[in-house]
Amino acid sequence: MIKKQQVRTRFAPSPTGSLHVGNLRTAILAYILAKQHKGQFILRIEDTDRERYIQGAMEKLLTILQEFGLEYDEGPELKNGKIIQKGKFGPYIQSLRLDIYKEYAQELLENGHAYRCFCSSERLTKMREEQQKNNLPPKYDRTCLHLTPQEIQKKLDEKLPYVIRMKIPDNQTIAFDDIVRGHVEFNSNDVDDQILMKSDGFPTYQFAVVVDDHLMQISHVIRGEDWVSSTPKHLLLYQYFGWEPPLFAHMSLLLNPDRTKLSKRKGDVAAEDFLTKGYLKESLINFIATIGWSEEAGSEEEIYSLKELIKKFDLSRLTKAGAIFNLEKLDWLNAHYIRAKSIKELTALCLPYLNQVKPNISRELAEKIVTIEQERLKKLEDIKQNASFLINEEITYQPELLVWKKSTPSQTKENLGKLITFIQDLRNSDYKTAKGLEEKVITWIKENNYGVGDMLWPMRVALSGQQNSPSPFEIAWVLGKKITLQRLSLAQSKL
């Protein structure tokens, strides 16, 4: 499938807001393909849409890519708060390449593959309304294509604003073989005379992407299936310039479980939103890269490190159908990667979230909390809610929750009293580990023929205030002897 001698892929986002997970997917797959073939991964900033440009978005984008460890070989990078550019094919920011686009647009004008269009926005709007009214496809009617050289010069002398449009040939089959979608064909009659250069001197995406991909020697273009319909325009430009086109891989779009397009209206779609919630970069890369992909038919493997993806990933195995963004699977993957962390590493990751519950929480307490909560976490931010009863001095619950099954409030009160007496007699060394504490308590229960549930259920509720929580021994180990006794005594007073 890989025909080019040197593989050069690119990620070319627009600085118009947060990094969409769909764009992150493009970046990950382009990175993987380049690394598979010991090629280059290039970052290019496509900032020609000045109306949607957001100040600071480019810097934010560079930071996010760095966080995910997607190191590119060429492109703009952030150093000491300043954007510098590395690589010999720059500049890698489109707004700094305007003279290049003007030069190639002029070449197309001279070769008869493009023409100036002086139509006003009002005329174009009226034209589209008429087409819609008559159920015609929205296409430019080529009024300006038929202007004489004298008419064109007159309009230029009058300094009328104009755009440069591409001249699409009539009734020509435009075909290409897509790595994901197979053979694709279009009839040129269905393709509009697209605008190449806007009246403000900036190129459109459709023009700049071809010029840049050629000049930067891009061998493979990976993008969403929504760009399939633009590909014939791009291929014609390659033909007009006499350039060899890259290979294309159009991925299916990411969809919600109800098969609607993944959008902010239905939940988080920005990569940084997932990082903020405490999804680990390893799980996000694993999840996003493998949406709609399997290593081989019938393969049940789901856990892949970035190194393993570089070794095994095959673009041609991506599904053509819409790829479902299954949040439950992401939670499962994230929990897997959380469980694989050492306590010290996970504590460092959880500290920012624990500090939101208790500022300047001690490292010792944080490590204990992480130790007993690690198995229950799906994402890092869960620790805020899961551990709140371990950090807050006061907990609230209804007294009846303390009573175990067929027991009574009076029996529960008596059992709590026995527990308090027993725990008061324990030494501090008995609190060294949760396991050691468990052995002491269980031995005491068995020696006295007490019901396990009769003793441990009220102990759990008294210490956590919750019906579902870590074991009472783990909680007591985190709280320490003093607070454990305080909460048991409080529970007894509630009955």
Protein backbone atom coordinates (compact mmCIF):
# COMPACT_ATOMS: atom_id res chain seq x y z
CA MET A 1 0.00 0.00 0.00
CA ILE A 2 2.89 2.38 0.76
CA LYS A 3 4.24 3.34 -2.65
CA LYS A 4 6.25 6.46 -1.89
CA GLN A 5 9.96 6.02 -1.22
CA GLN A 6 10.04 8.59 1.57
CA VAL A 7 7.01 8.82 3.83
CA ARG A 8 6.18 12.35 4.91
CA THR A 9 2.85 12.94 6.66
CA ARG A 10 1.40 16.12 8.07
CA PHE A 11 -1.07 17.40 10.60
CA ALA A 12 -2.51 20.71 9.46
CA PRO A 13 -4.98 22.16 11.98
CA SER A 14 -6.59 25.58 11.97
CA PRO A 15 -6.11 27.79 15.07
CA THR A 16 -9.84 28.35 15.45
CA GLY A 17 -10.39 26.94 18.94
CA SER A 18 -9.72 23.81 20.94
CA LEU A 19 -8.24 20.66 19.42
CA HIS A 20 -11.17 18.40 18.45
CA VAL A 21 -10.64 14.72 19.23
CA GLY A 22 -11.31 14.00 15.56
CA ASN A 23 -8.34 16.19 14.63
CA LEU A 24 -6.28 14.54 17.36
CA ARG A 25 -7.10 11.22 15.68
CA THR A 26 -5.72 12.58 12.38
CA ALA A 27 -2.55 13.72 14.14
CA ILE A 28 -2.05 10.36 15.88
CA LEU A 29 -2.50 8.31 12.69
CA ALA A 30 -0.27 10.63 10.65
CA TYR A 31 2.38 10.35 13.38
CA ILE A 32 2.08 6.54 13.48
CA LEU A 33 2.37 6.19 9.69
CA ALA A 34 5.48 8.40 9.55
CA LYS A 35 7.19 6.55 12.39
CA GLN A 36 6.32 3.14 10.91
CA HIS A 37 8.37 3.97 7.82
CA LYS A 38 11.10 6.02 9.51
CA GLY A 39 9.68 9.08 7.75
CA GLN A 40 8.88 12.60 8.87
CA PHE A 41 5.81 13.96 10.64
CA ILE A 42 5.16 17.63 9.85
CA LEU A 43 2.99 20.21 11.63
CA ARG A 44 1.53 22.99 9.49
CA ILE A 45 -0.77 25.72 10.77
CA GLU A 46 -3.57 26.56 8.33
CA ASP A 47 -4.60 30.02 9.49
CA THR A 48 -5.96 31.54 6.28
CA ASP A 49 -9.53 31.72 7.60
CA ARG A 50 -9.05 35.05 9.34
CA GLU A 51 -12.70 35.36 10.38
CA ARG A 52 -12.45 32.22 12.57
CA TYR A 53 -8.88 32.79 13.77
CA ILE A 54 -8.60 32.87 17.58
CA GLN A 55 -5.68 34.61 19.27
CA GLY A 56 -3.64 32.17 21.38
CA ALA A 57 -5.19 29.06 19.80
CA MET A 58 -1.96 28.16 18.00
CA GLU A 59 0.08 28.27 21.22
CA LYS A 60 -2.55 26.15 22.95
CA LEU A 61 -2.44 23.65 20.10
CA LEU A 62 1.36 23.32 20.28
CA THR A 63 1.14 22.70 24.02
CA ILE A 64 -1.50 19.97 23.64
CA LEU A 65 0.53 18.12 20.99
CA GLN A 66 3.51 18.27 23.33
CA GLU A 67 1.41 16.86 26.18
CA PHE A 68 0.44 13.88 24.03
CA GLY A 69 4.06 13.26 23.06
CA LEU A 70 3.39 13.65 19.34
CA GLU A 71 6.75 15.14 18.46
CA TYR A 72 6.93 16.45 14.92
CA ASP A 73 10.07 16.70 12.81
CA GLU A 74 9.20 20.01 11.15
CA GLY A 75 6.91 22.91 11.94
CA PRO A 76 6.34 25.74 14.39
CA GLU A 77 7.19 25.08 18.03
CA LEU A 78 6.90 26.98 21.29
CA LYS A 79 10.18 27.88 22.99
CA ASN A 80 10.37 30.25 25.95
CA GLY A 81 6.97 31.65 25.07
CA LYS A 82 7.93 32.36 21.46
CA ILE A 83 7.00 30.51 18.27
CA ILE A 84 9.98 29.43 16.20
CA GLN A 85 10.02 27.18 13.13
CA LYS A 86 12.14 24.13 12.42
CA GLY A 87 12.57 22.43 9.05
CA LYS A 88 13.72 23.38 5.55
CA PHE A 89 10.30 23.62 3.92
CA GLY A 90 8.94 26.55 5.94
CA PRO A 91 7.41 28.79 6.79
CA TYR A 92 4.93 26.30 8.27
CA ILE A 93 2.29 28.92 9.06
CA GLN A 94 0.13 29.67 6.02
CA SER A 95 -0.35 33.38 6.73
CA LEU A 96 3.42 33.72 6.25
CA ARG A 97 3.25 32.08 2.79
CA LEU A 98 0.94 34.51 0.96
CA ASP A 99 3.48 35.44 -1.74
CA ILE A 100 3.89 31.75 -2.58
CA TYR A 101 0.15 31.28 -3.15
CA LYS A 102 -0.07 34.45 -5.27
CA GLU A 103 2.74 33.18 -7.49
CA TYR A 104 1.03 29.84 -8.15
CA ALA A 105 -2.39 31.46 -8.63
CA GLN A 106 -0.85 33.73 -11.26
CA GLU A 107 0.58 30.67 -13.02
CA LEU A 108 -2.90 29.13 -13.21
CA LEU A 109 -4.32 32.39 -14.62
CA GLU A 110 -1.64 32.50 -17.29
CA ASN A 111 -2.19 28.84 -18.24
CA GLY A 112 -5.96 29.27 -18.52
CA HIS A 113 -6.72 26.99 -15.58
CA ALA A 114 -8.13 29.82 -13.46
CA TYR A 115 -9.98 33.10 -13.97
CA ARG A 116 -10.87 36.26 -12.10
CA CYS A 117 -14.40 36.54 -10.76
CA PHE A 118 -15.75 40.03 -10.00
CA CYS A 119 -19.26 38.94 -8.90
CA SER A 120 -20.53 40.67 -5.78
CA SER A 121 -21.69 38.73 -2.75
CA GLU A 122 -25.21 40.04 -3.39
CA ARG A 123 -25.24 38.56 -6.91
CA LEU A 124 -23.88 35.23 -5.68
CA THR A 125 -26.51 35.06 -2.94
CA LYS A 126 -29.30 35.76 -5.43
CA MET A 127 -27.85 33.12 -7.79
CA ARG A 128 -27.82 30.46 -5.02
CA GLU A 129 -31.39 31.30 -4.02
CA GLU A 130 -32.52 30.80 -7.62
CA GLN A 131 -30.67 27.48 -7.83
CA GLN A 132 -32.24 26.31 -4.60
CA LYS A 133 -35.67 27.38 -5.81
CA ASN A 134 -35.21 25.34 -9.00
CA ASN A 135 -33.67 22.33 -7.18
CA LEU A 136 -30.34 22.83 -8.94
CA PRO A 137 -26.98 21.95 -7.36
CA PRO A 138 -25.22 25.00 -5.86
CA LYS A 139 -22.54 25.93 -8.40
CA TYR A 140 -21.07 29.13 -9.71
CA ASP A 141 -22.72 29.96 -13.08
CA ARG A 142 -19.41 30.99 -14.70
CA THR A 143 -20.54 34.50 -15.63
CA CYS A 144 -17.01 35.85 -15.26
CA LEU A 145 -15.43 32.99 -17.19
CA HIS A 146 -16.81 34.52 -20.36
CA LEU A 147 -15.47 38.07 -19.78
CA THR A 148 -13.27 39.36 -22.60
CA PRO A 149 -9.71 40.51 -21.85
CA GLN A 150 -10.87 44.09 -22.36
CA GLU A 151 -13.73 43.70 -19.87
CA ILE A 152 -11.37 42.17 -17.33
CA GLN A 153 -8.84 45.00 -17.74
CA LYS A 154 -11.60 47.61 -17.37
CA LYS A 155 -12.70 46.07 -14.06
CA LEU A 156 -9.09 45.90 -12.88
CA ASP A 157 -8.59 49.57 -13.77
CA GLU A 158 -11.71 50.39 -11.76
CA LYS A 159 -10.07 48.48 -8.85
CA LEU A 160 -13.10 46.25 -8.44
CA PRO A 161 -12.51 43.47 -5.87
CA TYR A 162 -12.22 39.98 -7.29
CA VAL A 163 -11.50 36.39 -6.41
CA ILE A 164 -9.60 33.85 -8.47
CA ARG A 165 -11.60 30.76 -9.40
CA MET A 166 -10.38 27.43 -10.68
CA LYS A 167 -11.65 26.39 -14.11
CA ILE A 168 -13.06 22.88 -13.89
CA PRO A 169 -13.04 20.90 -17.17
CA ASP A 170 -16.33 19.60 -18.55
CA ASN A 171 -17.36 15.95 -18.45
CA GLN A 172 -14.10 14.49 -17.21
CA THR A 173 -13.77 11.46 -14.92
CA ILE A 174 -11.57 12.19 -11.91
CA ALA A 175 -10.54 9.03 -10.05
CA PHE A 176 -8.19 8.00 -7.26
CA ASP A 177 -7.49 4.97 -5.09
CA ASP A 178 -8.04 5.70 -1.43
CA ILE A 179 -6.15 3.66 1.18
CA VAL A 180 -9.30 3.34 3.30
CA ARG A 181 -12.17 3.64 0.83
CA GLY A 182 -10.78 1.95 -2.27
CA HIS A 183 -11.45 3.24 -5.79
CA VAL A 184 -13.34 6.56 -5.92
CA GLU A 185 -14.61 8.35 -9.04
CA PHE A 186 -16.19 11.75 -9.72
CA ASN A 187 -17.53 13.44 -12.82
CA SER A 188 -16.13 16.93 -13.22
CA ASN A 189 -19.60 18.23 -14.12
CA ASP A 190 -20.50 17.80 -10.47
CA VAL A 191 -17.54 19.90 -9.28
CA ASP A 192 -17.83 23.65 -8.71
CA ASP A 193 -15.37 26.27 -9.96
CA GLN A 194 -13.92 26.71 -6.48
CA ILE A 195 -12.36 29.93 -5.27
CA LEU A 196 -8.58 29.68 -5.02
CA MET A 197 -7.70 33.18 -3.85
CA LYS A 198 -10.05 35.42 -1.89
CA SER A 199 -10.36 39.16 -2.47
CA ASP A 200 -8.35 39.83 0.71
CA GLY A 201 -5.30 38.17 -0.82
CA PHE A 202 -5.57 35.02 1.28
CA PRO A 203 -5.86 31.60 -0.33
CA THR A 204 -8.73 29.24 0.38
CA TYR A 205 -8.03 25.92 2.09
CA GLN A 206 -8.68 24.10 -1.19
CA PHE A 207 -5.80 25.90 -2.92
CA ALA A 208 -3.27 26.33 -0.12
CA VAL A 209 -3.45 22.68 0.93
CA VAL A 210 -2.35 21.49 -2.51
CA VAL A 211 0.47 24.02 -2.89
CA ASP A 212 1.77 23.33 0.61
CA ASP A 213 1.50 19.54 0.42
CA HIS A 214 3.49 19.59 -2.82
CA LEU A 215 6.17 22.04 -1.69
CA MET A 216 6.55 20.24 1.65
CA GLN A 217 6.82 16.91 -0.20
CA ILE A 218 3.92 15.30 1.66
CA SER A 219 3.56 11.68 0.57
CA HIS A 220 0.39 10.68 2.43
CA VAL A 221 -2.65 12.77 3.33
CA ILE A 222 -4.79 11.43 6.18
CA ARG A 223 -8.06 13.28 6.81
CA GLY A 224 -11.77 12.83 7.47
CA GLU A 225 -14.22 11.47 4.92
CA ASP A 226 -15.88 14.90 4.74
CA TRP A 227 -12.93 15.91 2.51
CA VAL A 228 -13.55 13.17 -0.07
CA SER A 229 -15.72 15.52 -2.17
CA SER A 230 -12.87 18.07 -2.24
CA THR A 231 -10.31 15.58 -3.49
CA PRO A 232 -11.22 15.88 -7.23
CA LYS A 233 -10.52 19.62 -7.02
CA HIS A 234 -7.17 18.91 -5.44
CA LEU A 235 -6.31 16.25 -8.00
CA LEU A 236 -7.09 18.67 -10.84
CA LEU A 237 -4.73 21.22 -9.32
CA TYR A 238 -2.00 18.60 -9.15
CA GLN A 239 -2.71 17.85 -12.81
CA TYR A 240 -2.64 21.54 -13.80
CA PHE A 241 0.73 22.07 -12.14
CA GLY A 242 2.17 18.77 -13.41
CA TRP A 243 2.77 17.53 -9.86
CA GLU A 244 2.47 13.98 -8.51
CA PRO A 245 -0.38 13.82 -5.97
CA PRO A 246 0.09 12.21 -2.55
CA LEU A 247 -1.72 9.05 -1.50
CA PHE A 248 -5.02 9.72 0.29
CA ALA A 249 -6.61 8.01 3.28
CA HIS A 250 -10.06 9.35 4.18
CA MET A 251 -11.14 8.13 7.62
CA SER A 252 -14.75 7.73 8.64
CA LEU A 253 -16.00 10.47 10.95
CA LEU A 254 -16.33 10.00 14.71
CA LEU A 255 -19.95 9.48 15.72
CA ASN A 256 -21.94 9.50 18.93
CA PRO A 257 -23.53 6.16 19.97
CA ASP A 258 -26.78 7.34 18.31
CA ARG A 259 -24.74 7.70 15.08
CA THR A 260 -24.98 11.49 14.99
CA LYS A 261 -21.82 13.48 14.27
CA LEU A 262 -19.63 14.02 17.33
CA SER A 263 -20.26 17.62 18.35
CA LYS A 264 -19.99 19.89 21.36
CA ARG A 265 -23.78 19.99 21.65
CA LYS A 266 -23.74 16.38 22.82
CA GLY A 267 -20.74 16.45 25.15
CA ASP A 268 -17.01 17.07 25.29
CA VAL A 269 -15.16 16.96 21.98
CA ALA A 270 -11.97 18.90 22.81
CA ALA A 271 -8.85 16.90 23.66
CA GLU A 272 -8.04 19.23 26.57
CA ASP A 273 -11.49 18.62 28.08
CA PHE A 274 -10.65 14.93 28.37
CA LEU A 275 -7.22 15.68 29.85
CA THR A 276 -8.81 18.05 32.38
CA LYS A 277 -11.22 15.31 33.48
CA GLY A 278 -8.30 13.02 34.14
CA TYR A 279 -8.18 10.79 31.09
CA LEU A 280 -4.56 9.73 30.66
CA LYS A 281 -2.80 10.53 27.40
CA GLU A 282 -1.90 6.82 27.00
CA SER A 283 -5.53 5.74 27.12
CA LEU A 284 -6.68 8.56 24.83
CA ILE A 285 -4.07 7.66 22.21
CA ASN A 286 -4.96 3.96 22.50
CA PHE A 287 -8.70 4.66 22.29
CA ILE A 288 -8.70 7.30 19.55
CA ALA A 289 -6.21 5.47 17.30
CA THR A 290 -8.17 2.22 17.40
CA ILE A 291 -11.70 3.56 16.91
CA GLY A 292 -13.01 1.70 13.88
CA TRP A 293 -9.82 -0.38 13.56
CA SER A 294 -8.75 -3.90 14.47
CA GLU A 295 -5.36 -5.52 14.07
CA GLU A 296 -6.87 -8.40 12.10
CA ALA A 297 -10.25 -10.01 11.52
CA GLY A 298 -11.58 -11.43 14.78
CA SER A 299 -8.82 -9.87 16.88
CA GLU A 300 -9.90 -9.08 20.44
CA GLU A 301 -6.76 -7.16 21.40
CA GLU A 302 -7.66 -3.71 22.72
CA ILE A 303 -4.64 -2.51 24.69
CA TYR A 304 -1.93 -0.86 22.60
CA SER A 305 0.91 1.43 23.61
CA LEU A 306 2.01 4.04 21.08
CA LYS A 307 5.07 1.88 20.31
CA GLU A 308 2.83 -1.13 19.64
CA LEU A 309 0.57 0.95 17.41
CA ILE A 310 3.59 2.06 15.38
CA LYS A 311 4.52 -1.59 14.97
CA LYS A 312 1.07 -3.01 14.16
CA PHE A 313 -1.24 -0.28 12.82
CA ASP A 314 -2.48 -0.60 9.23
CA LEU A 315 -4.51 2.26 7.71
CA SER A 316 -6.20 -0.09 5.24
CA ARG A 317 -7.90 -1.88 8.15
CA LEU A 318 -9.86 1.22 9.17
CA THR A 319 -13.60 0.73 8.73
CA LYS A 320 -15.44 2.71 6.07
CA ALA A 321 -18.50 2.94 8.32
CA GLY A 322 -18.89 5.69 10.90
CA ALA A 323 -16.62 5.17 13.91
CA ILE A 324 -18.50 5.19 17.23
CA PHE A 325 -16.96 7.24 20.03
CA ASN A 326 -17.80 4.84 22.87
CA LEU A 327 -17.24 6.68 26.15
CA GLU A 328 -17.77 3.48 28.16
CA LYS A 329 -14.86 1.85 26.36
CA LEU A 330 -12.70 4.93 26.97
CA ASP A 331 -13.54 4.73 30.69
CA TRP A 332 -12.60 1.04 30.70
CA LEU A 333 -9.30 1.70 28.94
CA ASN A 334 -8.51 4.63 31.22
CA ALA A 335 -9.19 2.52 34.31
CA HIS A 336 -6.77 -0.09 32.92
CA TYR A 337 -3.99 2.47 32.52
CA ILE A 338 -4.71 3.96 35.95
CA ARG A 339 -4.37 0.53 37.58
CA ALA A 340 -1.03 0.04 35.80
CA LYS A 341 0.46 3.14 37.46
CA SER A 342 2.66 2.93 40.55
CA ILE A 343 1.16 4.53 43.66
CA LYS A 344 3.75 7.32 43.61
CA GLU A 345 3.14 8.08 39.93
CA LEU A 346 -0.64 7.99 40.33
CA THR A 347 -0.48 10.16 43.46
CA ALA A 348 1.40 12.83 41.51
CA LEU A 349 -1.33 12.74 38.85
CA CYS A 350 -4.15 12.87 41.44
CA LEU A 351 -2.70 15.64 43.62
CA PRO A 352 -4.19 18.53 41.57
CA TYR A 353 -7.66 16.98 42.01
CA LEU A 354 -7.20 16.22 45.73
CA ASN A 355 -6.00 19.78 46.28
CA GLN A 356 -9.35 20.98 44.97
CA VAL A 357 -10.98 19.15 47.89
CA LYS A 358 -8.35 20.06 50.47
CA PRO A 359 -5.70 22.64 49.49
CA ASN A 360 -2.14 21.61 50.38
CA ILE A 361 -3.16 18.06 51.27
CA SER A 362 -0.21 16.14 52.71
CA ARG A 363 1.63 13.76 50.41
CA GLU A 364 1.28 10.96 52.98
CA LEU A 365 -2.51 11.30 53.15
CA ALA A 366 -2.75 11.62 49.35
CA GLU A 367 -0.76 8.39 48.86
CA LYS A 368 -3.00 6.50 51.29
CA ILE A 369 -6.13 7.74 49.53
CA VAL A 370 -4.75 6.80 46.11
CA THR A 371 -3.78 3.35 47.42
CA ILE A 372 -7.34 2.43 48.39
CA GLU A 373 -9.03 4.26 45.49
CA GLN A 374 -6.84 3.13 42.58
CA GLU A 375 -9.02 0.14 41.68
CA ARG A 376 -12.20 2.26 41.69
CA LEU A 377 -11.03 5.12 39.46
CA LYS A 378 -12.17 5.42 35.86
CA LYS A 379 -10.66 8.87 35.45
CA LEU A 380 -8.50 10.97 37.75
CA GLU A 381 -11.17 13.52 38.64
CA ASP A 382 -13.28 10.70 40.17
CA ILE A 383 -10.98 10.81 43.16
CA LYS A 384 -12.49 14.14 44.22
CA GLN A 385 -15.89 12.60 44.86
CA ASN A 386 -14.62 9.15 45.87
CA ALA A 387 -12.27 10.52 48.49
CA SER A 388 -14.25 13.46 49.84
CA PHE A 389 -15.36 11.47 52.94
CA LEU A 390 -11.71 10.69 53.68
CA ILE A 391 -10.70 14.35 53.58
CA ASN A 392 -13.67 16.29 54.93
CA GLU A 393 -13.95 16.42 58.70
CA GLU A 394 -17.74 16.04 58.72
CA ILE A 395 -19.78 13.42 56.89
CA THR A 396 -23.57 13.17 56.77
CA TYR A 397 -25.85 10.16 56.44
CA GLN A 398 -29.18 8.88 57.75
CA PRO A 399 -28.94 6.82 61.01
CA GLU A 400 -30.97 3.93 59.54
CA LEU A 401 -28.19 3.30 57.02
CA LEU A 402 -26.06 2.02 59.92
CA VAL A 403 -28.38 -0.92 60.59
CA TRP A 404 -27.40 -4.22 58.98
CA LYS A 405 -30.22 -6.26 57.38
CA LYS A 406 -32.25 -7.95 60.17
CA SER A 407 -30.43 -6.16 62.97
CA THR A 408 -32.05 -3.37 65.02
CA PRO A 409 -30.91 0.16 65.92
CA SER A 410 -30.33 -0.86 69.55
CA GLN A 411 -28.26 -3.93 68.55
CA THR A 412 -26.28 -1.77 66.10
CA LYS A 413 -25.62 0.79 68.83
CA GLU A 414 -24.39 -1.97 71.13
CA ASN A 415 -22.14 -3.41 68.40
CA LEU A 416 -20.64 0.00 67.72
CA GLY A 417 -19.85 0.32 71.43
CA LYS A 418 -17.98 -3.01 71.34
CA LEU A 419 -16.06 -1.85 68.26
CA ILE A 420 -15.08 1.40 69.94
CA THR A 421 -13.77 -0.44 73.00
CA PHE A 422 -11.79 -2.86 70.85
CA ILE A 423 -10.26 -0.15 68.63
CA GLN A 424 -9.33 1.98 71.64
CA ASP A 425 -7.14 -0.88 72.83
CA LEU A 426 -5.32 -1.23 69.51
CA ARG A 427 -1.78 0.06 69.27
CA ASN A 428 -0.68 2.61 66.68
CA SER A 429 1.49 -0.09 65.10
CA ASP A 430 -1.70 -2.04 64.33
CA TYR A 431 -2.57 0.81 61.92
CA LYS A 432 0.61 0.38 59.89
CA THR A 433 -1.24 -1.37 57.03
CA ALA A 434 -4.87 -1.90 56.12
CA LYS A 435 -4.19 -5.64 55.87
CA GLY A 436 -2.79 -5.78 59.40
CA LEU A 437 -5.79 -3.90 60.74
CA GLU A 438 -8.14 -6.25 58.92
CA GLU A 439 -6.49 -9.31 60.48
CA LYS A 440 -6.89 -7.84 63.98
CA VAL A 441 -10.57 -6.95 63.52
CA ILE A 442 -11.56 -10.23 61.83
CA THR A 443 -9.75 -12.29 64.49
CA TRP A 444 -11.60 -10.37 67.23
CA ILE A 445 -14.98 -10.92 65.50
CA LYS A 446 -14.38 -14.67 65.12
CA GLU A 447 -13.09 -15.13 68.68
CA ASN A 448 -16.25 -13.53 70.04
CA ASN A 449 -18.63 -15.25 67.58
CA TYR A 450 -19.98 -11.91 66.36
CA GLY A 451 -21.75 -11.65 63.01
CA VAL A 452 -19.36 -10.28 60.39
CA GLY A 453 -22.03 -8.11 58.76
CA ASP A 454 -23.35 -6.98 62.16
CA MET A 455 -19.95 -5.51 62.97
CA LEU A 456 -18.42 -4.49 59.65
CA TRP A 457 -21.49 -2.91 58.02
CA PRO A 458 -22.03 -0.25 60.70
CA MET A 459 -18.26 0.28 60.84
CA ARG A 460 -18.15 0.93 57.07
CA VAL A 461 -21.11 3.34 57.15
CA ALA A 462 -19.87 5.13 60.27
CA LEU A 463 -16.48 5.77 58.67
CA SER A 464 -17.64 6.61 55.13
CA GLY A 465 -21.27 7.71 55.40
CA GLN A 466 -21.82 5.69 52.23
CA GLN A 467 -23.42 2.43 51.21
CA ASN A 468 -20.65 1.69 48.70
CA SER A 469 -17.06 2.42 49.64
CA PRO A 470 -13.67 0.80 50.13
CA SER A 471 -13.47 -1.73 52.97
CA PRO A 472 -13.80 -0.41 56.55
CA PHE A 473 -10.21 -1.52 57.24
CA GLU A 474 -8.86 0.54 54.33
CA ILE A 475 -10.88 3.56 55.44
CA ALA A 476 -9.74 3.23 59.07
CA TRP A 477 -6.13 2.90 57.89
CA VAL A 478 -6.40 6.18 55.94
CA LEU A 479 -8.29 8.05 58.69
CA GLY A 480 -6.07 6.91 61.55
CA LYS A 481 -7.10 5.79 65.03
CA LYS A 482 -8.24 9.18 66.38
CA ILE A 483 -10.68 10.06 63.56
CA THR A 484 -11.86 6.44 63.33
CA LEU A 485 -12.93 6.56 66.98
CA GLN A 486 -14.56 9.97 66.54
CA ARG A 487 -16.70 8.73 63.65
CA LEU A 488 -17.67 5.51 65.42
CA SER A 489 -18.73 7.50 68.48
CA LEU A 490 -20.72 9.92 66.30
CA ALA A 491 -22.50 6.99 64.66
CA GLN A 492 -23.36 5.53 68.06
CA SER A 493 -24.85 8.84 69.16
CA LYS A 494 -27.10 8.92 66.05
CA LEU A 495 -28.91 5.73 67.15
